PDB file of N, CA and C in Angstrom:
ATOM      1  N   MET A   1     -12.223  17.894  25.666  1.00  0.00           N
ATOM      2  CA  MET A   1     -10.887  17.836  25.369  1.00  0.00           C
ATOM      3  C   MET A   1     -10.389  16.329  24.790  1.00  0.00           C
ATOM      4  N   ALA A   2     -10.833  15.345  25.615  1.00  0.00           N
ATOM      5  CA  ALA A   2     -10.536  13.939  25.316  1.00  0.00           C
ATOM      6  C   ALA A   2     -11.027  13.611  24.087  1.00  0.00           C
ATOM      7  N   ASP A   3     -12.387  14.143  23.562  1.00  0.00           N
ATOM      8  CA  ASP A   3     -12.902  13.831  22.304  1.00  0.00           C
ATOM      9  C   ASP A   3     -11.955  14.254  21.126  1.00  0.00           C
ATOM     10  N   LYS A   4     -11.452  15.515  21.350  1.00  0.00           N
ATOM     11  CA  LYS A   4     -10.531  16.058  20.433  1.00  0.00           C
ATOM     12  C   LYS A   4      -9.339  15.331  20.173  1.00  0.00           C
ATOM     13  N   SER A   5      -8.730  14.849  21.377  1.00  0.00           N
ATOM     14  CA  SER A   5      -7.508  14.133  21.408  1.00  0.00           C
ATOM     15  C   SER A   5      -7.650  12.790  20.849  1.00  0.00           C
ATOM     16  N   SER A   6      -8.821  12.143  20.920  1.00  0.00           N
ATOM     17  CA  SER A   6      -9.110  10.920  20.295  1.00  0.00           C
ATOM     18  C   SER A   6      -9.278  11.011  18.879  1.00  0.00           C
ATOM     19  N   ALA A   7     -10.018  12.000  18.449  1.00  0.00           N
ATOM     20  CA  ALA A   7     -10.213  12.261  17.071  1.00  0.00           C
ATOM     21  C   ALA A   7      -8.755  12.436  16.253  1.00  0.00           C
ATOM     22  N   ASN A   8      -7.994  13.274  17.000  1.00  0.00           N
ATOM     23  CA  ASN A   8      -6.660  13.511  16.453  1.00  0.00           C
ATOM     24  C   ASN A   8      -5.817  12.252  16.157  1.00  0.00           C
ATOM     25  N   ALA A   9      -5.917  11.424  17.288  1.00  0.00           N
ATOM     26  CA  ALA A   9      -5.148   9.987  17.210  1.00  0.00           C
ATOM     27  C   ALA A   9      -5.673   9.325  16.254  1.00  0.00           C
ATOM     28  N   TYR A  10      -7.017   9.222  16.049  1.00  0.00           N
ATOM     29  CA  TYR A  10      -7.602   8.372  15.028  1.00  0.00           C
ATOM     30  C   TYR A  10      -7.066   8.711  13.567  1.00  0.00           C
ATOM     31  N   TRP A  11      -7.223  10.184  13.453  1.00  0.00           N
ATOM     32  CA  TRP A  11      -6.809  10.614  11.968  1.00  0.00           C
ATOM     33  C   TRP A  11      -5.306  10.514  11.775  1.00  0.00           C
ATOM     34  N   ALA A  12      -4.538  10.565  12.780  1.00  0.00           N
ATOM     35  CA  ALA A  12      -3.076  10.374  12.711  1.00  0.00           C
ATOM     36  C   ALA A  12      -2.858   9.089  12.394  1.00  0.00           C
ATOM     37  N   ALA A  13      -3.455   8.081  13.005  1.00  0.00           N
ATOM     38  CA  ALA A  13      -3.375   6.660  12.658  1.00  0.00           C
ATOM     39  C   ALA A  13      -3.797   6.383  11.037  1.00  0.00           C
ATOM     40  N   ASN A  14      -4.838   6.888  10.662  1.00  0.00           N
ATOM     41  CA  ASN A  14      -5.242   6.738   9.548  1.00  0.00           C
ATOM     42  C   ASN A  14      -4.429   7.485   8.327  1.00  0.00           C
ATOM     43  N   ILE A  15      -3.871   8.568   8.594  1.00  0.00           N
ATOM     44  CA  ILE A  15      -2.839   9.088   7.710  1.00  0.00           C
ATOM     45  C   ILE A  15      -1.693   8.362   7.416  1.00  0.00           C
ATOM     46  N   LYS A  16      -1.190   7.850   8.696  1.00  0.00           N
ATOM     47  CA  LYS A  16       0.026   6.912   8.639  1.00  0.00           C
ATOM     48  C   LYS A  16      -0.233   5.879   7.836  1.00  0.00           C
ATOM     49  N   ILE A  17      -1.169   5.011   7.965  1.00  0.00           N
ATOM     50  CA  ILE A  17      -1.592   4.041   7.056  1.00  0.00           C
ATOM     51  C   ILE A  17      -1.677   4.256   5.621  1.00  0.00           C
ATOM     52  N   ILE A  18      -2.254   5.496   5.329  1.00  0.00           N
ATOM     53  CA  ILE A  18      -2.349   5.970   3.965  1.00  0.00           C
ATOM     54  C   ILE A  18      -0.923   6.171   3.319  1.00  0.00           C
ATOM     55  N   LEU A  19      -0.100   6.848   4.109  1.00  0.00           N
ATOM     56  CA  LEU A  19       1.334   7.225   3.575  1.00  0.00           C
ATOM     57  C   LEU A  19       2.093   5.960   3.484  1.00  0.00           C
ATOM     58  N   ILE A  20       2.071   5.029   4.289  1.00  0.00           N
ATOM     59  CA  ILE A  20       2.753   3.821   4.241  1.00  0.00           C
ATOM     60  C   ILE A  20       2.284   2.955   2.978  1.00  0.00           C
ATOM     61  N   SER A  21       0.964   2.933   2.790  1.00  0.00           N
ATOM     62  CA  SER A  21       0.269   2.275   1.618  1.00  0.00           C
ATOM     63  C   SER A  21       0.872   2.898   0.221  1.00  0.00           C
ATOM     64  N   LEU A  22       0.866   4.118   0.230  1.00  0.00           N
ATOM     65  CA  LEU A  22       1.234   4.993  -0.945  1.00  0.00           C
ATOM     66  C   LEU A  22       2.769   4.768  -1.168  1.00  0.00           C
ATOM     67  N   ALA A  23       3.663   4.767  -0.180  1.00  0.00           N
ATOM     68  CA  ALA A  23       4.870   4.495  -0.389  1.00  0.00           C
ATOM     69  C   ALA A  23       5.253   3.023  -0.905  1.00  0.00           C
ATOM     70  N   ILE A  24       4.538   2.073  -0.441  1.00  0.00           N
ATOM     71  CA  ILE A  24       4.615   0.663  -1.027  1.00  0.00           C
ATOM     72  C   ILE A  24       4.334   0.681  -2.321  1.00  0.00           C
ATOM     73  N   TRP A  25       3.056   1.175  -2.697  1.00  0.00           N
ATOM     74  CA  TRP A  25       2.529   1.304  -3.981  1.00  0.00           C
ATOM     75  C   TRP A  25       3.598   1.843  -5.007  1.00  0.00           C
ATOM     76  N   PHE A  26       4.034   3.091  -4.608  1.00  0.00           N
ATOM     77  CA  PHE A  26       5.084   3.889  -5.385  1.00  0.00           C
ATOM     78  C   PHE A  26       6.393   3.099  -5.642  1.00  0.00           C
ATOM     79  N   ALA A  27       6.895   2.533  -4.615  1.00  0.00           N
ATOM     80  CA  ALA A  27       8.052   1.595  -4.583  1.00  0.00           C
ATOM     81  C   ALA A  27       7.747   0.549  -5.727  1.00  0.00           C
ATOM     82  N   CYS A  28       6.738  -0.165  -5.529  1.00  0.00           N
ATOM     83  CA  CYS A  28       6.374  -1.248  -6.443  1.00  0.00           C
ATOM     84  C   CYS A  28       6.191  -0.783  -7.898  1.00  0.00           C
ATOM     85  N   SER A  29       5.307   0.075  -8.165  1.00  0.00           N
ATOM     86  CA  SER A  29       4.937   0.629  -9.505  1.00  0.00           C
ATOM     87  C   SER A  29       6.251   1.247 -10.136  1.00  0.00           C
ATOM     88  N   PHE A  30       6.714   2.399  -9.427  1.00  0.00           N
ATOM     89  CA  PHE A  30       7.678   3.252 -10.210  1.00  0.00           C
ATOM     90  C   PHE A  30       9.006   2.674  -9.904  1.00  0.00           C
ATOM     91  N   GLY A  31       9.300   2.263  -8.716  1.00  0.00           N
ATOM     92  CA  GLY A  31      10.768   1.697  -8.443  1.00  0.00           C
ATOM     93  C   GLY A  31      10.939   0.321  -9.161  1.00  0.00           C
ATOM     94  N   LEU A  32      10.177  -0.619  -8.993  1.00  0.00           N
ATOM     95  CA  LEU A  32      10.409  -1.887  -9.593  1.00  0.00           C
ATOM     96  C   LEU A  32      10.011  -2.063 -11.191  1.00  0.00           C
ATOM     97  N   GLY A  33       9.058  -1.156 -11.415  1.00  0.00           N
ATOM     98  CA  GLY A  33       8.598  -1.145 -12.837  1.00  0.00           C
ATOM     99  C   GLY A  33       9.386  -0.267 -13.797  1.00  0.00           C
ATOM    100  N   ILE A  34       9.877   0.899 -13.344  1.00  0.00           N
ATOM    101  CA  ILE A  34      10.690   1.796 -14.154  1.00  0.00           C
ATOM    102  C   ILE A  34      12.104   2.049 -13.753  1.00  0.00           C
ATOM    103  N   ILE A  35      12.360   2.362 -12.587  1.00  0.00           N
ATOM    104  CA  ILE A  35      13.844   2.536 -12.296  1.00  0.00           C
ATOM    105  C   ILE A  35      14.652   1.290 -12.139  1.00  0.00           C
ATOM    106  N   LEU A  36      14.056   0.180 -11.649  1.00  0.00           N
ATOM    107  CA  LEU A  36      14.877  -0.985 -11.587  1.00  0.00           C
ATOM    108  C   LEU A  36      14.655  -1.990 -12.604  1.00  0.00           C
ATOM    109  N   ARG A  37      13.714  -1.689 -13.593  1.00  0.00           N
ATOM    110  CA  ARG A  37      13.531  -2.477 -14.736  1.00  0.00           C
ATOM    111  C   ARG A  37      14.748  -3.047 -15.434  1.00  0.00           C
ATOM    112  N   PRO A  38      15.802  -2.252 -15.652  1.00  0.00           N
ATOM    113  CA  PRO A  38      16.978  -2.858 -16.567  1.00  0.00           C
ATOM    114  C   PRO A  38      17.636  -3.920 -15.436  1.00  0.00           C
ATOM    115  N   ALA A  39      17.615  -3.749 -14.175  1.00  0.00           N
ATOM    116  CA  ALA A  39      18.426  -4.727 -13.215  1.00  0.00           C
ATOM    117  C   ALA A  39      17.530  -5.993 -13.144  1.00  0.00           C
ATOM    118  N   LEU A  40      16.214  -5.950 -13.368  1.00  0.00           N
ATOM    119  CA  LEU A  40      15.352  -7.035 -13.326  1.00  0.00           C
ATOM    120  C   LEU A  40      15.099  -7.832 -14.567  1.00  0.00           C
ATOM    121  N   GLU A  41      15.750  -7.405 -15.544  1.00  0.00           N
ATOM    122  CA  GLU A  41      15.629  -7.874 -17.010  1.00  0.00           C
ATOM    123  C   GLU A  41      15.861  -9.334 -17.081  1.00  0.00           C
ATOM    124  N   GLY A  42      16.834  -9.892 -16.409  1.00  0.00           N
ATOM    125  CA  GLY A  42      17.256 -11.340 -16.623  1.00  0.00           C
ATOM    126  C   GLY A  42      16.195 -12.365 -15.881  1.00  0.00           C
ATOM    127  N   ILE A  43      15.377 -11.873 -14.935  1.00  0.00           N
ATOM    128  CA  ILE A  43      14.410 -12.645 -14.360  1.00  0.00           C
ATOM    129  C   ILE A  43      13.120 -12.776 -15.121  1.00  0.00           C
ATOM    130  N   HIS A  44      12.601 -13.918 -15.314  1.00  0.00           N
ATOM    131  CA  HIS A  44      11.425 -13.963 -16.300  1.00  0.00           C
ATOM    132  C   HIS A  44      10.208 -14.436 -15.461  1.00  0.00           C
ATOM    133  N   VAL A  45       9.164 -13.812 -15.652  1.00  0.00           N
ATOM    134  CA  VAL A  45       7.773 -14.310 -15.057  1.00  0.00           C
ATOM    135  C   VAL A  45       6.815 -14.504 -16.278  1.00  0.00           C
ATOM    136  N   GLY A  46       6.325 -15.540 -16.437  1.00  0.00           N
ATOM    137  CA  GLY A  46       5.188 -15.660 -17.512  1.00  0.00           C
ATOM    138  C   GLY A  46       5.627 -15.205 -18.819  1.00  0.00           C
ATOM    139  N   GLY A  47       6.965 -15.482 -19.276  1.00  0.00           N
ATOM    140  CA  GLY A  47       7.267 -14.966 -20.638  1.00  0.00           C
ATOM    141  C   GLY A  47       7.888 -13.620 -20.689  1.00  0.00           C
ATOM    142  N   ALA A  48       7.785 -12.704 -19.662  1.00  0.00           N
ATOM    143  CA  ALA A  48       8.280 -11.464 -19.788  1.00  0.00           C
ATOM    144  C   ALA A  48       9.203 -11.203 -18.576  1.00  0.00           C
ATOM    145  N   ASP A  49      10.194 -10.290 -18.980  1.00  0.00           N
ATOM    146  CA  ASP A  49      10.949 -10.033 -17.660  1.00  0.00           C
ATOM    147  C   ASP A  49      10.211  -9.407 -16.410  1.00  0.00           C
ATOM    148  N   LEU A  50      10.723  -9.574 -15.334  1.00  0.00           N
ATOM    149  CA  LEU A  50      10.212  -9.116 -13.989  1.00  0.00           C
ATOM    150  C   LEU A  50       9.835  -7.666 -13.930  1.00  0.00           C
ATOM    151  N   GLY A  51      10.700  -6.725 -14.529  1.00  0.00           N
ATOM    152  CA  GLY A  51      10.538  -5.376 -14.627  1.00  0.00           C
ATOM    153  C   GLY A  51       9.292  -5.015 -15.360  1.00  0.00           C
ATOM    154  N   PHE A  52       9.170  -5.538 -16.563  1.00  0.00           N
ATOM    155  CA  PHE A  52       7.958  -5.345 -17.423  1.00  0.00           C
ATOM    156  C   PHE A  52       6.701  -5.959 -16.554  1.00  0.00           C
ATOM    157  N   TRP A  53       6.890  -7.079 -15.863  1.00  0.00           N
ATOM    158  CA  TRP A  53       5.727  -7.710 -15.393  1.00  0.00           C
ATOM    159  C   TRP A  53       5.202  -6.735 -14.339  1.00  0.00           C
ATOM    160  N   PHE A  54       6.066  -6.064 -13.319  1.00  0.00           N
ATOM    161  CA  PHE A  54       5.684  -5.079 -12.443  1.00  0.00           C
ATOM    162  C   PHE A  54       5.109  -3.848 -12.961  1.00  0.00           C
ATOM    163  N   ALA A  55       5.584  -3.488 -14.107  1.00  0.00           N
ATOM    164  CA  ALA A  55       5.045  -2.197 -14.786  1.00  0.00           C
ATOM    165  C   ALA A  55       3.583  -2.547 -15.230  1.00  0.00           C
ATOM    166  N   GLN A  56       3.397  -3.744 -15.697  1.00  0.00           N
ATOM    167  CA  GLN A  56       2.056  -4.091 -16.321  1.00  0.00           C
ATOM    168  C   GLN A  56       1.112  -4.714 -15.473  1.00  0.00           C
ATOM    169  N   ASN A  57       1.556  -5.574 -14.537  1.00  0.00           N
ATOM    170  CA  ASN A  57       0.544  -6.407 -13.652  1.00  0.00           C
ATOM    171  C   ASN A  57       0.999  -6.194 -12.154  1.00  0.00           C
ATOM    172  N   GLY A  58       2.209  -6.232 -11.756  1.00  0.00           N
ATOM    173  CA  GLY A  58       2.551  -6.374 -10.390  1.00  0.00           C
ATOM    174  C   GLY A  58       2.028  -5.189  -9.650  1.00  0.00           C
ATOM    175  N   SER A  59       1.941  -3.946 -10.235  1.00  0.00           N
ATOM    176  CA  SER A  59       1.615  -2.737  -9.374  1.00  0.00           C
ATOM    177  C   SER A  59       0.045  -2.946  -9.244  1.00  0.00           C
ATOM    178  N   ILE A  60      -0.578  -3.457 -10.042  1.00  0.00           N
ATOM    179  CA  ILE A  60      -1.871  -3.659  -9.936  1.00  0.00           C
ATOM    180  C   ILE A  60      -2.361  -4.720  -8.892  1.00  0.00           C
ATOM    181  N   TYR A  61      -1.648  -5.730  -8.739  1.00  0.00           N
ATOM    182  CA  TYR A  61      -1.820  -6.704  -7.714  1.00  0.00           C
ATOM    183  C   TYR A  61      -1.493  -6.301  -6.525  1.00  0.00           C
ATOM    184  N   VAL A  62      -0.429  -5.555  -6.424  1.00  0.00           N
ATOM    185  CA  VAL A  62       0.020  -4.922  -4.977  1.00  0.00           C
ATOM    186  C   VAL A  62      -1.123  -3.681  -4.670  1.00  0.00           C
ATOM    187  N   PHE A  63      -1.585  -2.929  -5.537  1.00  0.00           N
ATOM    188  CA  PHE A  63      -2.723  -2.184  -5.249  1.00  0.00           C
ATOM    189  C   PHE A  63      -3.800  -2.846  -4.636  1.00  0.00           C
ATOM    190  N   LEU A  64      -4.350  -4.041  -5.229  1.00  0.00           N
ATOM    191  CA  LEU A  64      -5.387  -4.682  -4.771  1.00  0.00           C
ATOM    192  C   LEU A  64      -5.138  -5.372  -3.361  1.00  0.00           C
ATOM    193  N   ILE A  65      -3.952  -5.717  -3.248  1.00  0.00           N
ATOM    194  CA  ILE A  65      -3.530  -6.325  -1.797  1.00  0.00           C
ATOM    195  C   ILE A  65      -3.638  -5.122  -0.678  1.00  0.00           C
ATOM    196  N   LEU A  66      -3.083  -3.970  -1.286  1.00  0.00           N
ATOM    197  CA  LEU A  66      -3.135  -2.884  -0.153  1.00  0.00           C
ATOM    198  C   LEU A  66      -4.483  -2.377   0.154  1.00  0.00           C
ATOM    199  N   ILE A  67      -5.441  -2.606  -0.741  1.00  0.00           N
ATOM    200  CA  ILE A  67      -6.740  -2.185  -0.516  1.00  0.00           C
ATOM    201  C   ILE A  67      -7.415  -3.183   0.681  1.00  0.00           C
ATOM    202  N   PHE A  68      -7.094  -4.412   0.540  1.00  0.00           N
ATOM    203  CA  PHE A  68      -7.653  -5.251   1.623  1.00  0.00           C
ATOM    204  C   PHE A  68      -6.995  -5.119   2.912  1.00  0.00           C
ATOM    205  N   VAL A  69      -5.607  -4.935   2.875  1.00  0.00           N
ATOM    206  CA  VAL A  69      -4.852  -4.621   3.923  1.00  0.00           C
ATOM    207  C   VAL A  69      -5.237  -3.469   4.715  1.00  0.00           C
ATOM    208  N   TYR A  70      -5.539  -2.278   3.965  1.00  0.00           N
ATOM    209  CA  TYR A  70      -6.069  -0.956   4.499  1.00  0.00           C
ATOM    210  C   TYR A  70      -7.254  -1.274   5.167  1.00  0.00           C
ATOM    211  N   ALA A  71      -8.178  -2.047   4.480  1.00  0.00           N
ATOM    212  CA  ALA A  71      -9.614  -2.226   5.155  1.00  0.00           C
ATOM    213  C   ALA A  71      -9.428  -2.976   6.522  1.00  0.00           C
ATOM    214  N   LYS A  72      -8.558  -3.896   6.409  1.00  0.00           N
ATOM    215  CA  LYS A  72      -8.486  -4.684   7.647  1.00  0.00           C
ATOM    216  C   LYS A  72      -7.811  -3.825   8.891  1.00  0.00           C
ATOM    217  N   MET A  73      -6.794  -3.014   8.448  1.00  0.00           N
ATOM    218  CA  MET A  73      -6.139  -2.270   9.515  1.00  0.00           C
ATOM    219  C   MET A  73      -7.109  -1.010   9.901  1.00  0.00           C
ATOM    220  N   MET A  74      -7.836  -0.629   8.990  1.00  0.00           N
ATOM    221  CA  MET A  74      -8.836   0.492   9.418  1.00  0.00           C
ATOM    222  C   MET A  74      -9.836  -0.102  10.325  1.00  0.00           C
ATOM    223  N   GLY A  75     -10.161  -1.293  10.137  1.00  0.00           N
ATOM    224  CA  GLY A  75     -11.193  -1.922  10.974  1.00  0.00           C
ATOM    225  C   GLY A  75     -10.597  -1.989  12.375  1.00  0.00           C
ATOM    226  N   LYS A  76      -9.482  -2.310  12.519  1.00  0.00           N
ATOM    227  CA  LYS A  76      -8.730  -2.642  13.767  1.00  0.00           C
ATOM    228  C   LYS A  76      -8.740  -1.079  14.365  1.00  0.00           C
ATOM    229  N   ILE A  77      -8.230  -0.177  13.796  1.00  0.00           N
ATOM    230  CA  ILE A  77      -8.182   1.268  14.268  1.00  0.00           C
ATOM    231  C   ILE A  77      -9.592   1.786  14.688  1.00  0.00           C
ATOM    232  N   ASP A  78     -10.711   1.478  13.805  1.00  0.00           N
ATOM    233  CA  ASP A  78     -12.109   1.868  14.224  1.00  0.00           C
ATOM    234  C   ASP A  78     -12.356   1.255  15.510  1.00  0.00           C
ATOM    235  N   ARG A  79     -12.131  -0.031  15.628  1.00  0.00           N
ATOM    236  CA  ARG A  79     -12.301  -0.712  17.133  1.00  0.00           C
ATOM    237  C   ARG A  79     -11.599  -0.098  18.141  1.00  0.00           C
ATOM    238  N   ASP A  80     -10.419   0.221  17.913  1.00  0.00           N
ATOM    239  CA  ASP A  80      -9.529   0.614  19.147  1.00  0.00           C
ATOM    240  C   ASP A  80     -10.025   2.103  19.443  1.00  0.00           C
ATOM    241  N   HIS A  81     -10.491   2.965  18.580  1.00  0.00           N
ATOM    242  CA  HIS A  81     -10.925   4.195  18.876  1.00  0.00           C
ATOM    243  C   HIS A  81     -12.539   4.296  19.052  1.00  0.00           C
ATOM    244  N   GLY A  82     -13.205   3.215  19.131  1.00  0.00           N
ATOM    245  CA  GLY A  82     -14.603   3.217  19.368  1.00  0.00           C
ATOM    246  C   GLY A  82     -15.567   3.883  18.337  1.00  0.00           C
ATOM    247  N   VAL A  83     -15.148   3.747  17.097  1.00  0.00           N
ATOM    248  CA  VAL A  83     -15.904   4.240  16.042  1.00  0.00           C
ATOM    249  C   VAL A  83     -16.429   3.152  14.959  1.00  0.00           C
ATOM    250  N   ASP A  84     -16.218   1.824  15.486  1.00  0.00           N
ATOM    251  CA  ASP A  84     -16.586   0.764  14.463  1.00  0.00           C
ATOM    252  C   ASP A  84     -18.135   0.658  14.424  1.00  0.00           C
ATOM    253  N   GLU A  85     -18.597   0.030  13.467  1.00  0.00           N
ATOM    254  CA  GLU A  85     -20.058  -0.192  13.063  1.00  0.00           C
ATOM    255  C   GLU A  85     -20.490  -1.281  13.775  1.00  0.00           C
TER     256      GLU A  85
END
């Protein structure tokens, strides 16, 4: 029973990290790049307004950062649950 409980806790932690990462990426790509684009029009980054920048580049950068954060957090969860390599 303890093994099943530990496995469930491991996957619950994994799913929580995935959902938080997806919410951050969605907020950055859809929220800042599409919904809030008109509000960000006056702020310029590299010759383009900030909303356009998030739509074209920012969401990709956030996605790359999320990959490294996910890997680091999963390493910690793996160690906490005894399934690290």
